[in-house]
Amino acid sequence: PSATQATALVRTRGNDPVQFSSRLRELTSELDPTLRLQIVTFTEMKRQQMIGLRLMMLGSSLVIVTALMLSAAGIYAMMSFTVSQRRKEIGIRAAMGADAGQLLRSIFTKAALQLAAGVVVGIVLALVIDRASGDDEFLGAFGRALLPATAVVMTIVGLFATIGPARRGL
């Protein structure tokens, strides 16, 4: 024999759902003694749904934060490598008497241009993919609002990544 599950929502008057549930159990056991009845109040059902929603949001947030951290680490490594490749150039220019401020502006300008190019390409690609997805909305309103914030965070991470190698080069 296969088990069948059914859900019924019952609205009662009064403040005591326990009293109603005991009477309902009596009635159902008289009809079918093998019937298992699970009674959950509306408040409890909503609480369980909220727990599920919160867990889904937590999981999504962890995935987003992990992706953001991995991206930041990659950008940090790339910018650090790019600036460290210019260490000889920076050292030679400094030895020839170049102003430290001028050298730092040169380093940060090149890094900022690379980061800006990456931000522009990333945002354009995300918007093209969003547009190509049609009705499915790849990004949604939240994702479109998150794009500029992510771009700013990644730009700041990239600029911080240039500080160490630039300082060592000077």
C-alpha atoms as a PDB file:
ATOM      1  CA  PRO A   1       0.000   0.000   0.000  1.00  0.00           C
ATOM      2  CA  SER A   2       1.332   3.398  -0.955  1.00  0.00           C
ATOM      3  CA  ALA A   3       1.111   6.367   1.387  1.00  0.00           C
ATOM      4  CA  THR A   4      -0.687   9.463   0.252  1.00  0.00           C
ATOM      5  CA  GLN A   5       0.009  12.825   1.777  1.00  0.00           C
ATOM      6  CA  ALA A   6      -2.475  15.652   1.816  1.00  0.00           C
ATOM      7  CA  THR A   7      -2.397  19.119   3.306  1.00  0.00           C
ATOM      8  CA  ALA A   8      -5.409  20.980   4.556  1.00  0.00           C
ATOM      9  CA  LEU A   9      -5.457  24.496   5.932  1.00  0.00           C
ATOM     10  CA  VAL A  10      -8.162  25.073   8.516  1.00  0.00           C
ATOM     11  CA  ARG A  11      -9.108  28.414   9.973  1.00  0.00           C
ATOM     12  CA  THR A  12     -10.677  28.288  13.409  1.00  0.00           C
ATOM     13  CA  ARG A  13     -12.368  30.824  15.630  1.00  0.00           C
ATOM     14  CA  GLY A  14     -11.050  31.283  19.104  1.00  0.00           C
ATOM     15  CA  ASN A  15      -7.577  31.320  20.544  1.00  0.00           C
ATOM     16  CA  ASP A  16      -7.002  27.638  21.347  1.00  0.00           C
ATOM     17  CA  PRO A  17      -5.818  25.596  18.347  1.00  0.00           C
ATOM     18  CA  VAL A  18      -4.857  22.726  20.692  1.00  0.00           C
ATOM     19  CA  GLN A  19      -8.486  22.139  21.621  1.00  0.00           C
ATOM     20  CA  PHE A  20      -9.493  22.014  17.968  1.00  0.00           C
ATOM     21  CA  SER A  21      -6.580  19.726  17.076  1.00  0.00           C
ATOM     22  CA  SER A  22      -7.506  17.173  19.761  1.00  0.00           C
ATOM     23  CA  ARG A  23     -11.113  17.084  18.508  1.00  0.00           C
ATOM     24  CA  LEU A  24      -9.887  16.733  14.907  1.00  0.00           C
ATOM     25  CA  ARG A  25      -7.641  13.817  15.910  1.00  0.00           C
ATOM     26  CA  GLU A  26     -10.608  12.080  17.572  1.00  0.00           C
ATOM     27  CA  LEU A  27     -12.750  12.491  14.451  1.00  0.00           C
ATOM     28  CA  THR A  28     -10.070  11.255  12.059  1.00  0.00           C
ATOM     29  CA  SER A  29      -9.176   8.242  14.220  1.00  0.00           C
ATOM     30  CA  GLU A  30     -12.856   7.226  14.242  1.00  0.00           C
ATOM     31  CA  LEU A  31     -12.894   7.416  10.427  1.00  0.00           C
ATOM     32  CA  ASP A  32      -9.551   5.693   9.827  1.00  0.00           C
ATOM     33  CA  PRO A  33      -7.378   4.476  12.733  1.00  0.00           C
ATOM     34  CA  THR A  34      -4.303   4.147  10.448  1.00  0.00           C
ATOM     35  CA  LEU A  35      -4.450   7.804   9.455  1.00  0.00           C
ATOM     36  CA  ARG A  36      -1.566   9.861  10.802  1.00  0.00           C
ATOM     37  CA  LEU A  37      -2.416  13.459  11.465  1.00  0.00           C
ATOM     38  CA  GLN A  38       0.187  16.171  11.897  1.00  0.00           C
ATOM     39  CA  ILE A  39      -1.176  19.498  13.060  1.00  0.00           C
ATOM     40  CA  VAL A  40       0.892  22.639  12.700  1.00  0.00           C
ATOM     41  CA  THR A  41      -0.280  26.133  13.550  1.00  0.00           C
ATOM     42  CA  PHE A  42      -0.098  28.842  10.923  1.00  0.00           C
ATOM     43  CA  THR A  43       2.450  30.719  13.022  1.00  0.00           C
ATOM     44  CA  GLU A  44       4.700  27.659  13.183  1.00  0.00           C
ATOM     45  CA  MET A  45       4.326  27.047   9.441  1.00  0.00           C
ATOM     46  CA  LYS A  46       5.329  30.655   8.693  1.00  0.00           C
ATOM     47  CA  ARG A  47       8.280  30.354  11.087  1.00  0.00           C
ATOM     48  CA  GLN A  48       9.506  27.233   9.287  1.00  0.00           C
ATOM     49  CA  GLN A  49       9.182  28.991   5.919  1.00  0.00           C
ATOM     50  CA  MET A  50      11.162  31.966   7.229  1.00  0.00           C
ATOM     51  CA  ILE A  51      13.901  29.652   8.490  1.00  0.00           C
ATOM     52  CA  GLY A  52      14.122  28.078   5.047  1.00  0.00           C
ATOM     53  CA  LEU A  53      14.252  31.476   3.369  1.00  0.00           C
ATOM     54  CA  ARG A  54      16.942  32.684   5.753  1.00  0.00           C
ATOM     55  CA  LEU A  55      19.040  29.585   5.115  1.00  0.00           C
ATOM     56  CA  MET A  56      18.764  30.116   1.357  1.00  0.00           C
ATOM     57  CA  MET A  57      19.784  33.766   1.754  1.00  0.00           C
ATOM     58  CA  LEU A  58      22.706  32.769   3.975  1.00  0.00           C
ATOM     59  CA  GLY A  59      23.877  30.194   1.436  1.00  0.00           C
ATOM     60  CA  SER A  60      23.593  32.684  -1.418  1.00  0.00           C
ATOM     61  CA  SER A  61      25.425  35.331   0.583  1.00  0.00           C
ATOM     62  CA  LEU A  62      28.261  32.922   1.372  1.00  0.00           C
ATOM     63  CA  VAL A  63      28.640  32.034  -2.305  1.00  0.00           C
ATOM     64  CA  ILE A  64      28.657  35.721  -3.298  1.00  0.00           C
ATOM     65  CA  VAL A  65      31.178  36.663  -0.603  1.00  0.00           C
ATOM     66  CA  THR A  66      33.414  33.727  -1.556  1.00  0.00           C
ATOM     67  CA  ALA A  67      33.336  34.742  -5.229  1.00  0.00           C
ATOM     68  CA  LEU A  68      34.080  38.344  -4.269  1.00  0.00           C
ATOM     69  CA  MET A  69      37.019  37.323  -2.080  1.00  0.00           C
ATOM     70  CA  LEU A  70      38.473  35.042  -4.754  1.00  0.00           C
ATOM     71  CA  SER A  71      38.109  37.802  -7.338  1.00  0.00           C
ATOM     72  CA  ALA A  72      39.753  40.284  -4.991  1.00  0.00           C
ATOM     73  CA  ALA A  73      42.648  37.896  -4.376  1.00  0.00           C
ATOM     74  CA  GLY A  74      43.099  37.408  -8.122  1.00  0.00           C
ATOM     75  CA  ILE A  75      43.055  41.144  -8.815  1.00  0.00           C
ATOM     76  CA  TYR A  76      45.447  41.768  -5.930  1.00  0.00           C
ATOM     77  CA  ALA A  77      47.894  39.167  -7.290  1.00  0.00           C
ATOM     78  CA  MET A  78      47.637  40.489 -10.860  1.00  0.00           C
ATOM     79  CA  MET A  79      48.166  44.132  -9.866  1.00  0.00           C
ATOM     80  CA  SER A  80      51.010  43.231  -7.516  1.00  0.00           C
ATOM     81  CA  PHE A  81      52.690  41.232 -10.307  1.00  0.00           C
ATOM     82  CA  THR A  82      52.173  44.013 -12.857  1.00  0.00           C
ATOM     83  CA  VAL A  83      53.742  46.668 -10.631  1.00  0.00           C
ATOM     84  CA  SER A  84      56.583  44.391  -9.520  1.00  0.00           C
ATOM     85  CA  GLN A  85      57.453  43.856 -13.197  1.00  0.00           C
ATOM     86  CA  ARG A  86      58.194  47.599 -13.341  1.00  0.00           C
ATOM     87  CA  ARG A  87      60.500  47.548 -10.296  1.00  0.00           C
ATOM     88  CA  LYS A  88      63.673  47.884 -12.376  1.00  0.00           C
ATOM     89  CA  GLU A  89      62.183  50.783 -14.318  1.00  0.00           C
ATOM     90  CA  ILE A  90      61.078  52.445 -11.086  1.00  0.00           C
ATOM     91  CA  GLY A  91      64.498  51.879  -9.504  1.00  0.00           C
ATOM     92  CA  ILE A  92      66.355  53.306 -12.518  1.00  0.00           C
ATOM     93  CA  ARG A  93      64.085  56.363 -12.682  1.00  0.00           C
ATOM     94  CA  ALA A  94      64.500  56.908  -8.933  1.00  0.00           C
ATOM     95  CA  ALA A  95      68.305  56.571  -9.233  1.00  0.00           C
ATOM     96  CA  MET A  96      68.310  59.141 -12.019  1.00  0.00           C
ATOM     97  CA  GLY A  97      66.633  61.620  -9.682  1.00  0.00           C
ATOM     98  CA  ALA A  98      62.952  61.303 -10.562  1.00  0.00           C
ATOM     99  CA  ASP A  99      60.589  62.740  -7.991  1.00  0.00           C
ATOM    100  CA  ALA A 100      58.966  60.042  -5.787  1.00  0.00           C
ATOM    101  CA  GLY A 101      55.547  61.675  -6.185  1.00  0.00           C
ATOM    102  CA  GLN A 102      55.894  61.631  -9.957  1.00  0.00           C
ATOM    103  CA  LEU A 103      56.893  57.950  -9.882  1.00  0.00           C
ATOM    104  CA  LEU A 104      53.926  57.075  -7.669  1.00  0.00           C
ATOM    105  CA  ARG A 105      51.526  58.986  -9.941  1.00  0.00           C
ATOM    106  CA  SER A 106      52.921  57.092 -12.928  1.00  0.00           C
ATOM    107  CA  ILE A 107      52.507  53.730 -11.196  1.00  0.00           C
ATOM    108  CA  PHE A 108      48.998  54.452  -9.920  1.00  0.00           C
ATOM    109  CA  THR A 109      47.877  55.958 -13.234  1.00  0.00           C
ATOM    110  CA  LYS A 110      48.842  52.837 -15.138  1.00  0.00           C
ATOM    111  CA  ALA A 111      47.238  50.611 -12.490  1.00  0.00           C
ATOM    112  CA  ALA A 112      44.059  52.717 -12.474  1.00  0.00           C
ATOM    113  CA  LEU A 113      43.815  52.543 -16.274  1.00  0.00           C
ATOM    114  CA  GLN A 114      44.133  48.742 -16.179  1.00  0.00           C
ATOM    115  CA  LEU A 115      41.526  48.503 -13.447  1.00  0.00           C
ATOM    116  CA  ALA A 116      39.156  50.872 -15.272  1.00  0.00           C
ATOM    117  CA  ALA A 117      39.467  48.792 -18.447  1.00  0.00           C
ATOM    118  CA  GLY A 118      38.642  45.660 -16.456  1.00  0.00           C
ATOM    119  CA  VAL A 119      35.659  47.312 -14.777  1.00  0.00           C
ATOM    120  CA  VAL A 120      34.257  48.588 -18.080  1.00  0.00           C
ATOM    121  CA  VAL A 121      34.682  45.231 -19.818  1.00  0.00           C
ATOM    122  CA  GLY A 122      33.164  43.380 -16.840  1.00  0.00           C
ATOM    123  CA  ILE A 123      30.116  45.639 -16.568  1.00  0.00           C
ATOM    124  CA  VAL A 124      29.508  45.617 -20.336  1.00  0.00           C
ATOM    125  CA  LEU A 125      29.750  41.810 -20.471  1.00  0.00           C
ATOM    126  CA  ALA A 126      27.398  41.423 -17.509  1.00  0.00           C
ATOM    127  CA  LEU A 127      24.848  43.747 -19.121  1.00  0.00           C
ATOM    128  CA  VAL A 128      25.151  41.995 -22.506  1.00  0.00           C
ATOM    129  CA  ILE A 129      24.592  38.605 -20.848  1.00  0.00           C
ATOM    130  CA  ASP A 130      21.647  40.067 -18.909  1.00  0.00           C
ATOM    131  CA  ARG A 131      20.126  41.428 -22.117  1.00  0.00           C
ATOM    132  CA  ALA A 132      20.734  38.152 -23.998  1.00  0.00           C
ATOM    133  CA  SER A 133      19.016  36.130 -21.275  1.00  0.00           C
ATOM    134  CA  GLY A 134      15.741  37.800 -22.215  1.00  0.00           C
ATOM    135  CA  ASP A 135      12.926  37.313 -19.740  1.00  0.00           C
ATOM    136  CA  ASP A 136      15.050  35.198 -17.405  1.00  0.00           C
ATOM    137  CA  GLU A 137      16.868  38.293 -16.104  1.00  0.00           C
ATOM    138  CA  PHE A 138      20.375  37.049 -15.369  1.00  0.00           C
ATOM    139  CA  LEU A 139      21.148  39.909 -12.966  1.00  0.00           C
ATOM    140  CA  GLY A 140      17.795  41.216 -11.843  1.00  0.00           C
ATOM    141  CA  ALA A 141      17.383  44.609 -10.170  1.00  0.00           C
ATOM    142  CA  PHE A 142      19.559  43.618  -7.203  1.00  0.00           C
ATOM    143  CA  GLY A 143      22.383  42.423  -9.465  1.00  0.00           C
ATOM    144  CA  ARG A 144      22.321  45.598 -11.542  1.00  0.00           C
ATOM    145  CA  ALA A 145      22.557  47.646  -8.345  1.00  0.00           C
ATOM    146  CA  LEU A 146      25.393  45.434  -7.110  1.00  0.00           C
ATOM    147  CA  LEU A 147      27.523  45.910 -10.257  1.00  0.00           C
ATOM    148  CA  PRO A 148      28.788  49.428  -9.433  1.00  0.00           C
ATOM    149  CA  ALA A 149      29.446  48.498  -5.797  1.00  0.00           C
ATOM    150  CA  THR A 150      31.462  45.476  -6.878  1.00  0.00           C
ATOM    151  CA  ALA A 151      33.375  47.587  -9.400  1.00  0.00           C
ATOM    152  CA  VAL A 152      34.298  50.114  -6.699  1.00  0.00           C
ATOM    153  CA  VAL A 153      35.403  47.376  -4.268  1.00  0.00           C
ATOM    154  CA  MET A 154      37.550  45.684  -6.918  1.00  0.00           C
ATOM    155  CA  THR A 155      39.100  48.999  -7.955  1.00  0.00           C
ATOM    156  CA  ILE A 156      40.018  49.764  -4.338  1.00  0.00           C
ATOM    157  CA  VAL A 157      41.501  46.281  -3.925  1.00  0.00           C
ATOM    158  CA  GLY A 158      43.534  46.752  -7.111  1.00  0.00           C
ATOM    159  CA  LEU A 159      44.847  50.126  -6.002  1.00  0.00           C
ATOM    160  CA  PHE A 160      45.798  48.734  -2.589  1.00  0.00           C
ATOM    161  CA  ALA A 161      47.637  45.947  -4.395  1.00  0.00           C
ATOM    162  CA  THR A 162      49.896  48.495  -6.086  1.00  0.00           C
ATOM    163  CA  ILE A 163      51.006  50.097  -2.808  1.00  0.00           C
ATOM    164  CA  GLY A 164      53.382  47.304  -1.680  1.00  0.00           C
ATOM    165  CA  PRO A 165      55.293  46.796  -4.943  1.00  0.00           C
ATOM    166  CA  ALA A 166      55.415  50.562  -5.580  1.00  0.00           C
ATOM    167  CA  ARG A 167      56.882  51.162  -2.119  1.00  0.00           C
ATOM    168  CA  ARG A 168      59.455  48.372  -2.613  1.00  0.00           C
ATOM    169  CA  GLY A 169      60.351  49.807  -6.024  1.00  0.00           C
ATOM    170  CA  LEU A 170      60.997  53.252  -4.566  1.00  0.00           C
END
